Amino acid sequence: MNRLSALLALWVSLCSSASVLAAEPLPQRWISSGGSLSEWVVVLGGEKHLVGVDSTSQHPVSLRELPSIGYQRQLAAEGMLALRPEVLIGSEEMGPPPVLAQLRGAGVQVEMLSSTPDLDSLQRNLQRLGALLGEPQRADQAFAAYQHRLQQQADWLQAAQRQQPAPGVLLLLGHAGGSPLAGGKASAADWLIEHAGGRNLASHTGYKTLSTEALLALDPEVVIIADRSLAGDAARDALLKQNPALAATRAARNQRLVMLDPTLLVGGLGPRLPDGLAALSAAFYPASQPLIANAKQTP
């Protein structure tokens, strides 16, 4: 009987502990660092909790009305603490570390998620965000919808490549016409080029400046321009002025310089990436009927 009583007492204790954990309040005041992560917070219904975002969090446009906490790699504790946040969401790209330590010391919950551009990392990120928002089912639905979009993209690409081989591509990440950085292996740029159906000509790892000789030797068929301060013709003209060798490439001669929103490259795989892939694929494979994205990421 004593043993039975002890087991019952243990069961009651475990149930009580589970109830306490389940009743633990979720964070209500959020700051987010990293464009893609901020977008996922919105997709999962958490925009009402955001009290500040970093400078890469530009979509949806309503986020631009929130107080800015600066660039994700150069955060300042004072400005963030003034917003009285309960949680900071960001990737391992955010910092500097002493600032994050200061936030933790002030009682802010710092959540560092992965910016690795792959589906496993995205799934883990969405599951964590879903748990923090109290929306685990919505997070699972968002991931399933995302997988479906990427499968549509892969099926379209398979058909397009029956008619045309994959073009050689470079993605140049610039700032106001300065020396651009070419996105190499193990980068978001590389993931984007591959899944849009291109061959990334940059063989280095990460982002690196290319010499004039290297750019001419690679002679890309398509160049993707992601400028962090200029857009459209202004970004294109500034890049050509700063890098005259680019004008001699096949991409420039054939007017295959494609613009890309640089915030798509920040914070891992974001909810707008499937549409970005479809747009790039249309530029890579002009003879194929463009993939029309009817599905939405938001469940």
C-alpha atoms as a PDB file:
ATOM      1  CA  MET A   1       0.000   0.000   0.000  1.00  0.00           C
ATOM      2  CA  ASN A   2       2.867   2.358   0.885  1.00  0.00           C
ATOM      3  CA  ARG A   3       4.424   1.730  -2.517  1.00  0.00           C
ATOM      4  CA  LEU A   4       1.118   2.434  -4.267  1.00  0.00           C
ATOM      5  CA  SER A   5       0.721   5.657  -2.277  1.00  0.00           C
ATOM      6  CA  ALA A   6       4.226   6.729  -3.239  1.00  0.00           C
ATOM      7  CA  LEU A   7       3.547   6.101  -6.925  1.00  0.00           C
ATOM      8  CA  LEU A   8       0.303   8.059  -6.731  1.00  0.00           C
ATOM      9  CA  ALA A   9       2.080  10.926  -5.029  1.00  0.00           C
ATOM     10  CA  LEU A  10       4.766  10.920  -7.729  1.00  0.00           C
ATOM     11  CA  TRP A  11       2.106  10.951 -10.467  1.00  0.00           C
ATOM     12  CA  VAL A  12       0.310  13.888  -8.834  1.00  0.00           C
ATOM     13  CA  SER A  13       3.618  15.750  -8.530  1.00  0.00           C
ATOM     14  CA  LEU A  14       4.473  15.189 -12.202  1.00  0.00           C
ATOM     15  CA  CYS A  15       1.018  16.342 -13.291  1.00  0.00           C
ATOM     16  CA  SER A  16       1.341  19.459 -11.158  1.00  0.00           C
ATOM     17  CA  SER A  17       4.762  20.236 -12.648  1.00  0.00           C
ATOM     18  CA  ALA A  18       3.417  19.767 -16.183  1.00  0.00           C
ATOM     19  CA  SER A  19       0.517  22.094 -15.398  1.00  0.00           C
ATOM     20  CA  VAL A  20       2.883  24.756 -14.123  1.00  0.00           C
ATOM     21  CA  LEU A  21       5.041  24.490 -17.243  1.00  0.00           C
ATOM     22  CA  ALA A  22       2.017  24.587 -19.521  1.00  0.00           C
ATOM     23  CA  ALA A  23       0.729  27.667 -17.711  1.00  0.00           C
ATOM     24  CA  GLU A  24       4.059  29.496 -17.949  1.00  0.00           C
ATOM     25  CA  PRO A  25       3.343  32.749 -19.812  1.00  0.00           C
ATOM     26  CA  LEU A  26       4.741  33.124 -23.312  1.00  0.00           C
ATOM     27  CA  PRO A  27       6.908  36.185 -24.078  1.00  0.00           C
ATOM     28  CA  GLN A  28       4.764  39.121 -25.189  1.00  0.00           C
ATOM     29  CA  ARG A  29       7.387  41.745 -26.100  1.00  0.00           C
ATOM     30  CA  TRP A  30       9.709  40.633 -28.899  1.00  0.00           C
ATOM     31  CA  ILE A  31      12.611  42.163 -30.775  1.00  0.00           C
ATOM     32  CA  SER A  32      13.810  40.391 -33.897  1.00  0.00           C
ATOM     33  CA  SER A  33      17.151  40.482 -35.702  1.00  0.00           C
ATOM     34  CA  GLY A  34      17.440  39.012 -39.207  1.00  0.00           C
ATOM     35  CA  GLY A  35      15.035  39.719 -42.049  1.00  0.00           C
ATOM     36  CA  SER A  36      13.903  36.171 -42.730  1.00  0.00           C
ATOM     37  CA  LEU A  37      13.291  35.391 -39.058  1.00  0.00           C
ATOM     38  CA  SER A  38      11.256  38.573 -38.627  1.00  0.00           C
ATOM     39  CA  GLU A  39       9.162  37.606 -41.632  1.00  0.00           C
ATOM     40  CA  TRP A  40       8.488  34.171 -40.158  1.00  0.00           C
ATOM     41  CA  VAL A  41       7.361  35.753 -36.893  1.00  0.00           C
ATOM     42  CA  VAL A  42       4.788  37.695 -38.929  1.00  0.00           C
ATOM     43  CA  VAL A  43       3.729  34.621 -40.918  1.00  0.00           C
ATOM     44  CA  LEU A  44       3.110  32.739 -37.660  1.00  0.00           C
ATOM     45  CA  GLY A  45       0.920  35.525 -36.309  1.00  0.00           C
ATOM     46  CA  GLY A  46       3.453  37.173 -34.012  1.00  0.00           C
ATOM     47  CA  GLU A  47       3.672  40.673 -35.498  1.00  0.00           C
ATOM     48  CA  LYS A  48       1.585  42.074 -32.635  1.00  0.00           C
ATOM     49  CA  HIS A  49       4.359  41.058 -30.233  1.00  0.00           C
ATOM     50  CA  LEU A  50       7.173  42.853 -32.089  1.00  0.00           C
ATOM     51  CA  VAL A  51       8.381  46.057 -30.443  1.00  0.00           C
ATOM     52  CA  GLY A  52      11.581  46.459 -32.494  1.00  0.00           C
ATOM     53  CA  VAL A  53      13.444  44.951 -35.461  1.00  0.00           C
ATOM     54  CA  ASP A  54      16.871  45.238 -37.040  1.00  0.00           C
ATOM     55  CA  SER A  55      17.659  47.096 -40.264  1.00  0.00           C
ATOM     56  CA  THR A  56      17.432  43.953 -42.427  1.00  0.00           C
ATOM     57  CA  SER A  57      13.798  43.391 -41.404  1.00  0.00           C
ATOM     58  CA  GLN A  58      12.082  45.244 -44.241  1.00  0.00           C
ATOM     59  CA  HIS A  59       9.166  42.948 -45.089  1.00  0.00           C
ATOM     60  CA  PRO A  60       6.272  43.300 -44.719  1.00  0.00           C
ATOM     61  CA  VAL A  61       6.464  47.075 -44.969  1.00  0.00           C
ATOM     62  CA  SER A  62       4.661  47.433 -41.633  1.00  0.00           C
ATOM     63  CA  LEU A  63       7.898  46.327 -39.909  1.00  0.00           C
ATOM     64  CA  ARG A  64       9.588  49.520 -41.113  1.00  0.00           C
ATOM     65  CA  GLU A  65       7.369  51.493 -38.767  1.00  0.00           C
ATOM     66  CA  LEU A  66       8.807  49.741 -35.700  1.00  0.00           C
ATOM     67  CA  PRO A  67      11.796  51.110 -33.762  1.00  0.00           C
ATOM     68  CA  SER A  68      15.089  49.996 -35.314  1.00  0.00           C
ATOM     69  CA  ILE A  69      17.672  48.200 -33.185  1.00  0.00           C
ATOM     70  CA  GLY A  70      20.398  48.719 -35.828  1.00  0.00           C
ATOM     71  CA  TYR A  71      22.230  46.231 -38.017  1.00  0.00           C
ATOM     72  CA  GLN A  72      22.125  42.623 -36.832  1.00  0.00           C
ATOM     73  CA  ARG A  73      25.900  42.309 -36.401  1.00  0.00           C
ATOM     74  CA  GLN A  74      26.259  45.658 -34.594  1.00  0.00           C
ATOM     75  CA  LEU A  75      23.462  45.676 -32.027  1.00  0.00           C
ATOM     76  CA  ALA A  76      23.514  48.028 -29.035  1.00  0.00           C
ATOM     77  CA  ALA A  77      22.119  46.889 -25.686  1.00  0.00           C
ATOM     78  CA  GLU A  78      20.903  50.287 -24.509  1.00  0.00           C
ATOM     79  CA  GLY A  79      18.534  50.831 -27.424  1.00  0.00           C
ATOM     80  CA  MET A  80      17.109  47.339 -27.156  1.00  0.00           C
ATOM     81  CA  LEU A  81      16.656  47.433 -23.382  1.00  0.00           C
ATOM     82  CA  ALA A  82      14.780  50.714 -23.725  1.00  0.00           C
ATOM     83  CA  LEU A  83      12.087  48.740 -25.590  1.00  0.00           C
ATOM     84  CA  ARG A  84      11.624  46.486 -22.531  1.00  0.00           C
ATOM     85  CA  PRO A  85      11.831  43.225 -24.529  1.00  0.00           C
ATOM     86  CA  GLU A  86      11.196  39.825 -23.021  1.00  0.00           C
ATOM     87  CA  VAL A  87      12.847  37.932 -25.875  1.00  0.00           C
ATOM     88  CA  LEU A  88      15.344  38.649 -28.658  1.00  0.00           C
ATOM     89  CA  ILE A  89      15.055  36.436 -31.718  1.00  0.00           C
ATOM     90  CA  GLY A  90      18.003  36.250 -34.092  1.00  0.00           C
ATOM     91  CA  SER A  91      20.457  33.996 -35.845  1.00  0.00           C
ATOM     92  CA  GLU A  92      24.063  33.147 -35.026  1.00  0.00           C
ATOM     93  CA  GLU A  93      24.923  36.093 -37.316  1.00  0.00           C
ATOM     94  CA  MET A  94      23.790  38.640 -34.711  1.00  0.00           C
ATOM     95  CA  GLY A  95      26.090  40.275 -32.203  1.00  0.00           C
ATOM     96  CA  PRO A  96      28.459  41.374 -30.882  1.00  0.00           C
ATOM     97  CA  PRO A  97      28.633  38.712 -28.128  1.00  0.00           C
ATOM     98  CA  PRO A  98      29.158  41.177 -25.236  1.00  0.00           C
ATOM     99  CA  VAL A  99      25.880  42.868 -26.127  1.00  0.00           C
ATOM    100  CA  LEU A 100      24.032  39.557 -26.108  1.00  0.00           C
ATOM    101  CA  ALA A 101      25.593  38.747 -22.727  1.00  0.00           C
ATOM    102  CA  GLN A 102      24.436  42.120 -21.403  1.00  0.00           C
ATOM    103  CA  LEU A 103      20.892  41.394 -22.565  1.00  0.00           C
ATOM    104  CA  ARG A 104      20.903  37.991 -20.893  1.00  0.00           C
ATOM    105  CA  GLY A 105      22.177  39.601 -17.720  1.00  0.00           C
ATOM    106  CA  ALA A 106      19.228  41.989 -17.832  1.00  0.00           C
ATOM    107  CA  GLY A 107      16.813  39.061 -18.000  1.00  0.00           C
ATOM    108  CA  VAL A 108      16.113  39.090 -21.734  1.00  0.00           C
ATOM    109  CA  GLN A 109      15.632  35.643 -23.254  1.00  0.00           C
ATOM    110  CA  VAL A 110      18.056  35.454 -26.213  1.00  0.00           C
ATOM    111  CA  GLU A 111      17.065  32.908 -28.853  1.00  0.00           C
ATOM    112  CA  MET A 112      19.771  32.206 -31.436  1.00  0.00           C
ATOM    113  CA  LEU A 113      18.377  30.259 -34.388  1.00  0.00           C
ATOM    114  CA  SER A 114      20.190  28.889 -37.411  1.00  0.00           C
ATOM    115  CA  SER A 115      20.833  30.890 -40.570  1.00  0.00           C
ATOM    116  CA  THR A 116      22.027  27.776 -42.433  1.00  0.00           C
ATOM    117  CA  PRO A 117      20.147  27.668 -45.749  1.00  0.00           C
ATOM    118  CA  ASP A 118      18.609  24.200 -45.624  1.00  0.00           C
ATOM    119  CA  LEU A 119      15.217  22.714 -44.842  1.00  0.00           C
ATOM    120  CA  ASP A 120      16.272  20.954 -41.649  1.00  0.00           C
ATOM    121  CA  SER A 121      17.380  24.252 -40.124  1.00  0.00           C
ATOM    122  CA  LEU A 122      14.218  25.961 -41.302  1.00  0.00           C
ATOM    123  CA  GLN A 123      12.041  23.278 -39.746  1.00  0.00           C
ATOM    124  CA  ARG A 124      13.824  23.607 -36.393  1.00  0.00           C
ATOM    125  CA  ASN A 125      13.519  27.398 -36.531  1.00  0.00           C
ATOM    126  CA  LEU A 126       9.803  27.247 -37.254  1.00  0.00           C
ATOM    127  CA  GLN A 127       9.207  24.710 -34.507  1.00  0.00           C
ATOM    128  CA  ARG A 128      10.979  26.950 -31.994  1.00  0.00           C
ATOM    129  CA  LEU A 129       9.143  30.073 -33.118  1.00  0.00           C
ATOM    130  CA  GLY A 130       5.866  28.155 -33.042  1.00  0.00           C
ATOM    131  CA  ALA A 131       6.548  27.031 -29.474  1.00  0.00           C
ATOM    132  CA  LEU A 132       7.408  30.564 -28.324  1.00  0.00           C
ATOM    133  CA  LEU A 133       4.265  31.941 -29.946  1.00  0.00           C
ATOM    134  CA  GLY A 134       2.021  29.119 -28.765  1.00  0.00           C
ATOM    135  CA  GLU A 135       1.377  28.206 -32.420  1.00  0.00           C
ATOM    136  CA  PRO A 136       3.071  24.810 -32.994  1.00  0.00           C
ATOM    137  CA  GLN A 137       0.421  23.584 -35.440  1.00  0.00           C
ATOM    138  CA  ARG A 138       0.632  26.761 -37.467  1.00  0.00           C
ATOM    139  CA  ALA A 139       4.410  26.373 -37.654  1.00  0.00           C
ATOM    140  CA  ASP A 140       4.064  22.793 -38.925  1.00  0.00           C
ATOM    141  CA  GLN A 141       1.549  23.928 -41.549  1.00  0.00           C
ATOM    142  CA  ALA A 142       3.870  26.730 -42.678  1.00  0.00           C
ATOM    143  CA  PHE A 143       6.749  24.288 -43.125  1.00  0.00           C
ATOM    144  CA  ALA A 144       4.591  21.814 -45.079  1.00  0.00           C
ATOM    145  CA  ALA A 145       3.416  24.610 -47.383  1.00  0.00           C
ATOM    146  CA  TYR A 146       7.027  25.722 -47.890  1.00  0.00           C
ATOM    147  CA  GLN A 147       8.109  22.199 -48.825  1.00  0.00           C
ATOM    148  CA  HIS A 148       5.271  22.057 -51.339  1.00  0.00           C
ATOM    149  CA  ARG A 149       6.380  25.311 -52.943  1.00  0.00           C
ATOM    150  CA  LEU A 150       9.954  24.079 -53.277  1.00  0.00           C
ATOM    151  CA  GLN A 151       8.742  20.825 -54.811  1.00  0.00           C
ATOM    152  CA  GLN A 152       6.772  22.811 -57.386  1.00  0.00           C
ATOM    153  CA  GLN A 153       9.955  24.747 -58.134  1.00  0.00           C
ATOM    154  CA  ALA A 154      12.000  21.532 -58.513  1.00  0.00           C
ATOM    155  CA  ASP A 155       9.413  19.980 -60.858  1.00  0.00           C
ATOM    156  CA  TRP A 156       9.334  23.116 -63.023  1.00  0.00           C
ATOM    157  CA  LEU A 157      13.120  23.228 -63.124  1.00  0.00           C
ATOM    158  CA  GLN A 158      13.399  19.622 -64.210  1.00  0.00           C
ATOM    159  CA  ALA A 159      11.158  20.357 -67.197  1.00  0.00           C
ATOM    160  CA  ALA A 160      13.000  23.593 -68.071  1.00  0.00           C
ATOM    161  CA  GLN A 161      16.394  21.880 -68.063  1.00  0.00           C
ATOM    162  CA  ARG A 162      15.230  19.434 -70.719  1.00  0.00           C
ATOM    163  CA  GLN A 163      15.243  22.391 -73.113  1.00  0.00           C
ATOM    164  CA  GLN A 164      18.252  24.359 -71.849  1.00  0.00           C
ATOM    165  CA  PRO A 165      21.379  23.572 -69.813  1.00  0.00           C
ATOM    166  CA  ALA A 166      21.942  25.353 -66.517  1.00  0.00           C
ATOM    167  CA  PRO A 167      23.542  28.795 -67.023  1.00  0.00           C
ATOM    168  CA  GLY A 168      26.725  29.876 -65.263  1.00  0.00           C
ATOM    169  CA  VAL A 169      25.777  32.449 -62.634  1.00  0.00           C
ATOM    170  CA  LEU A 170      27.409  34.874 -60.207  1.00  0.00           C
ATOM    171  CA  LEU A 171      25.644  36.647 -57.357  1.00  0.00           C
ATOM    172  CA  LEU A 172      27.281  39.945 -56.436  1.00  0.00           C
ATOM    173  CA  LEU A 173      26.383  41.469 -53.078  1.00  0.00           C
ATOM    174  CA  GLY A 174      27.259  45.169 -53.090  1.00  0.00           C
ATOM    175  CA  HIS A 175      26.833  48.437 -51.289  1.00  0.00           C
ATOM    176  CA  ALA A 176      26.361  51.706 -53.195  1.00  0.00           C
ATOM    177  CA  GLY A 177      28.587  50.716 -56.095  1.00  0.00           C
ATOM    178  CA  GLY A 178      31.548  49.579 -54.004  1.00  0.00           C
ATOM    179  CA  SER A 179      33.530  46.430 -54.639  1.00  0.00           C
ATOM    180  CA  PRO A 180      30.924  43.648 -54.598  1.00  0.00           C
ATOM    181  CA  LEU A 181      31.257  40.330 -52.838  1.00  0.00           C
ATOM    182  CA  ALA A 182      30.605  37.186 -54.867  1.00  0.00           C
ATOM    183  CA  GLY A 183      28.507  34.582 -53.059  1.00  0.00           C
ATOM    184  CA  GLY A 184      30.410  31.292 -52.963  1.00  0.00           C
ATOM    185  CA  LYS A 185      29.802  27.822 -51.593  1.00  0.00           C
ATOM    186  CA  ALA A 186      27.989  27.249 -48.277  1.00  0.00           C
ATOM    187  CA  SER A 187      26.214  30.604 -48.554  1.00  0.00           C
ATOM    188  CA  ALA A 188      22.614  31.685 -48.994  1.00  0.00           C
ATOM    189  CA  ALA A 189      23.617  32.945 -52.435  1.00  0.00           C
ATOM    190  CA  ASP A 190      24.805  29.471 -53.412  1.00  0.00           C
ATOM    191  CA  TRP A 191      21.546  27.876 -52.209  1.00  0.00           C
ATOM    192  CA  LEU A 192      19.535  30.427 -54.148  1.00  0.00           C
ATOM    193  CA  ILE A 193      21.450  29.946 -57.391  1.00  0.00           C
ATOM    194  CA  GLU A 194      21.288  26.152 -57.179  1.00  0.00           C
ATOM    195  CA  HIS A 195      17.565  25.976 -56.438  1.00  0.00           C
ATOM    196  CA  ALA A 196      16.791  28.511 -59.142  1.00  0.00           C
ATOM    197  CA  GLY A 197      18.588  26.234 -61.626  1.00  0.00           C
ATOM    198  CA  GLY A 198      21.928  27.950 -62.106  1.00  0.00           C
ATOM    199  CA  ARG A 199      25.545  26.850 -61.740  1.00  0.00           C
ATOM    200  CA  ASN A 200      27.355  28.987 -59.208  1.00  0.00           C
ATOM    201  CA  LEU A 201      30.687  29.924 -60.803  1.00  0.00           C
ATOM    202  CA  ALA A 202      32.186  31.134 -57.514  1.00  0.00           C
ATOM    203  CA  SER A 203      34.221  28.258 -56.092  1.00  0.00           C
ATOM    204  CA  HIS A 204      35.321  29.919 -52.838  1.00  0.00           C
ATOM    205  CA  THR A 205      33.436  29.555 -49.547  1.00  0.00           C
ATOM    206  CA  GLY A 206      31.222  32.346 -48.248  1.00  0.00           C
ATOM    207  CA  TYR A 207      31.435  35.865 -49.695  1.00  0.00           C
ATOM    208  CA  LYS A 208      34.611  37.190 -51.282  1.00  0.00           C
ATOM    209  CA  THR A 209      35.692  40.024 -53.580  1.00  0.00           C
ATOM    210  CA  LEU A 210      36.684  38.898 -57.080  1.00  0.00           C
ATOM    211  CA  SER A 211      39.570  40.436 -58.988  1.00  0.00           C
ATOM    212  CA  THR A 212      39.025  41.882 -62.456  1.00  0.00           C
ATOM    213  CA  GLU A 213      40.948  38.962 -63.927  1.00  0.00           C
ATOM    214  CA  ALA A 214      38.828  36.402 -62.077  1.00  0.00           C
ATOM    215  CA  LEU A 215      35.585  38.072 -63.145  1.00  0.00           C
ATOM    216  CA  LEU A 216      36.628  38.107 -66.787  1.00  0.00           C
ATOM    217  CA  ALA A 217      37.825  34.491 -66.613  1.00  0.00           C
ATOM    218  CA  LEU A 218      34.514  33.290 -65.172  1.00  0.00           C
ATOM    219  CA  ASP A 219      32.531  35.231 -67.802  1.00  0.00           C
ATOM    220  CA  PRO A 220      29.090  34.502 -66.276  1.00  0.00           C
ATOM    221  CA  GLU A 221      26.006  34.113 -68.442  1.00  0.00           C
ATOM    222  CA  VAL A 222      23.834  35.676 -65.725  1.00  0.00           C
ATOM    223  CA  VAL A 223      24.779  38.056 -62.915  1.00  0.00           C
ATOM    224  CA  ILE A 224      22.481  38.584 -59.942  1.00  0.00           C
ATOM    225  CA  ILE A 225      22.911  41.984 -58.301  1.00  0.00           C
ATOM    226  CA  ALA A 226      21.917  42.356 -54.648  1.00  0.00           C
ATOM    227  CA  ASP A 227      22.710  45.924 -53.582  1.00  0.00           C
ATOM    228  CA  ARG A 228      22.096  46.877 -49.958  1.00  0.00           C
ATOM    229  CA  SER A 229      21.585  50.599 -50.596  1.00  0.00           C
ATOM    230  CA  LEU A 230      20.546  51.067 -54.233  1.00  0.00           C
ATOM    231  CA  ALA A 231      17.884  49.426 -56.382  1.00  0.00           C
ATOM    232  CA  GLY A 232      16.969  48.941 -60.026  1.00  0.00           C
ATOM    233  CA  ASP A 233      18.877  50.874 -62.699  1.00  0.00           C
ATOM    234  CA  ALA A 234      20.763  52.885 -60.068  1.00  0.00           C
ATOM    235  CA  ALA A 235      22.268  49.739 -58.561  1.00  0.00           C
ATOM    236  CA  ARG A 236      23.087  48.315 -61.987  1.00  0.00           C
ATOM    237  CA  ASP A 237      24.751  51.533 -63.193  1.00  0.00           C
ATOM    238  CA  ALA A 238      26.761  51.929 -59.987  1.00  0.00           C
ATOM    239  CA  LEU A 239      28.035  48.360 -60.198  1.00  0.00           C
ATOM    240  CA  LEU A 240      29.092  48.720 -63.838  1.00  0.00           C
ATOM    241  CA  LYS A 241      30.821  52.029 -63.096  1.00  0.00           C
ATOM    242  CA  GLN A 242      32.757  50.594 -60.163  1.00  0.00           C
ATOM    243  CA  ASN A 243      33.531  47.317 -61.958  1.00  0.00           C
ATOM    244  CA  PRO A 244      34.052  48.054 -65.674  1.00  0.00           C
ATOM    245  CA  ALA A 245      35.224  44.485 -66.309  1.00  0.00           C
ATOM    246  CA  LEU A 246      31.664  43.371 -65.676  1.00  0.00           C
ATOM    247  CA  ALA A 247      30.548  45.137 -68.857  1.00  0.00           C
ATOM    248  CA  ALA A 248      32.707  42.746 -70.893  1.00  0.00           C
ATOM    249  CA  THR A 249      30.969  39.615 -69.584  1.00  0.00           C
ATOM    250  CA  ARG A 250      28.303  37.716 -71.494  1.00  0.00           C
ATOM    251  CA  ALA A 251      25.792  38.637 -68.805  1.00  0.00           C
ATOM    252  CA  ALA A 252      26.208  42.370 -69.432  1.00  0.00           C
ATOM    253  CA  ARG A 253      26.461  42.077 -73.221  1.00  0.00           C
ATOM    254  CA  ASN A 254      23.232  40.068 -73.343  1.00  0.00           C
ATOM    255  CA  GLN A 255      21.521  42.257 -70.734  1.00  0.00           C
ATOM    256  CA  ARG A 256      21.163  39.437 -68.238  1.00  0.00           C
ATOM    257  CA  LEU A 257      21.893  41.433 -65.108  1.00  0.00           C
ATOM    258  CA  VAL A 258      19.147  40.453 -62.674  1.00  0.00           C
ATOM    259  CA  MET A 259      18.213  42.454 -59.567  1.00  0.00           C
ATOM    260  CA  LEU A 260      17.576  40.726 -56.230  1.00  0.00           C
ATOM    261  CA  ASP A 261      16.345  42.066 -52.891  1.00  0.00           C
ATOM    262  CA  PRO A 262      19.365  41.530 -50.569  1.00  0.00           C
ATOM    263  CA  THR A 263      17.138  40.912 -47.535  1.00  0.00           C
ATOM    264  CA  LEU A 264      16.322  37.522 -49.055  1.00  0.00           C
ATOM    265  CA  LEU A 265      19.858  36.483 -48.096  1.00  0.00           C
ATOM    266  CA  VAL A 266      19.637  37.344 -44.379  1.00  0.00           C
ATOM    267  CA  GLY A 267      18.573  35.050 -41.551  1.00  0.00           C
ATOM    268  CA  GLY A 268      18.219  31.725 -43.361  1.00  0.00           C
ATOM    269  CA  LEU A 269      15.430  30.564 -45.660  1.00  0.00           C
ATOM    270  CA  GLY A 270      12.647  33.130 -45.519  1.00  0.00           C
ATOM    271  CA  PRO A 271       8.994  32.959 -46.546  1.00  0.00           C
ATOM    272  CA  ARG A 272       9.525  35.050 -49.713  1.00  0.00           C
ATOM    273  CA  LEU A 273      12.277  32.829 -51.112  1.00  0.00           C
ATOM    274  CA  PRO A 274      10.019  30.544 -53.205  1.00  0.00           C
ATOM    275  CA  ASP A 275       8.763  33.596 -55.114  1.00  0.00           C
ATOM    276  CA  GLY A 276      12.338  34.825 -55.460  1.00  0.00           C
ATOM    277  CA  LEU A 277      13.380  31.450 -56.869  1.00  0.00           C
ATOM    278  CA  ALA A 278      10.565  31.528 -59.410  1.00  0.00           C
ATOM    279  CA  ALA A 279      11.619  35.007 -60.567  1.00  0.00           C
ATOM    280  CA  LEU A 280      15.274  33.990 -60.912  1.00  0.00           C
ATOM    281  CA  SER A 281      14.356  30.799 -62.755  1.00  0.00           C
ATOM    282  CA  ALA A 282      12.359  32.824 -65.269  1.00  0.00           C
ATOM    283  CA  ALA A 283      15.515  34.880 -65.924  1.00  0.00           C
ATOM    284  CA  PHE A 284      17.706  31.766 -66.128  1.00  0.00           C
ATOM    285  CA  TYR A 285      15.342  29.915 -68.497  1.00  0.00           C
ATOM    286  CA  PRO A 286      13.650  32.565 -70.653  1.00  0.00           C
ATOM    287  CA  ALA A 287      12.340  29.995 -73.168  1.00  0.00           C
ATOM    288  CA  SER A 288      10.223  28.243 -70.525  1.00  0.00           C
ATOM    289  CA  GLN A 289       6.823  29.378 -69.316  1.00  0.00           C
ATOM    290  CA  PRO A 290       7.440  31.083 -65.939  1.00  0.00           C
ATOM    291  CA  LEU A 291       6.324  29.254 -62.844  1.00  0.00           C
ATOM    292  CA  ILE A 292       3.273  31.058 -61.491  1.00  0.00           C
ATOM    293  CA  ALA A 293       3.248  30.822 -57.704  1.00  0.00           C
ATOM    294  CA  ASN A 294      -0.404  30.433 -56.788  1.00  0.00           C
ATOM    295  CA  ALA A 295       0.292  28.835 -53.431  1.00  0.00           C
ATOM    296  CA  LYS A 296       1.096  30.997 -50.432  1.00  0.00           C
ATOM    297  CA  GLN A 297       3.465  30.236 -47.594  1.00  0.00           C
ATOM    298  CA  THR A 298       1.029  31.505 -44.991  1.00  0.00           C
ATOM    299  CA  PRO A 299      -1.249  28.646 -43.874  1.00  0.00           C
END
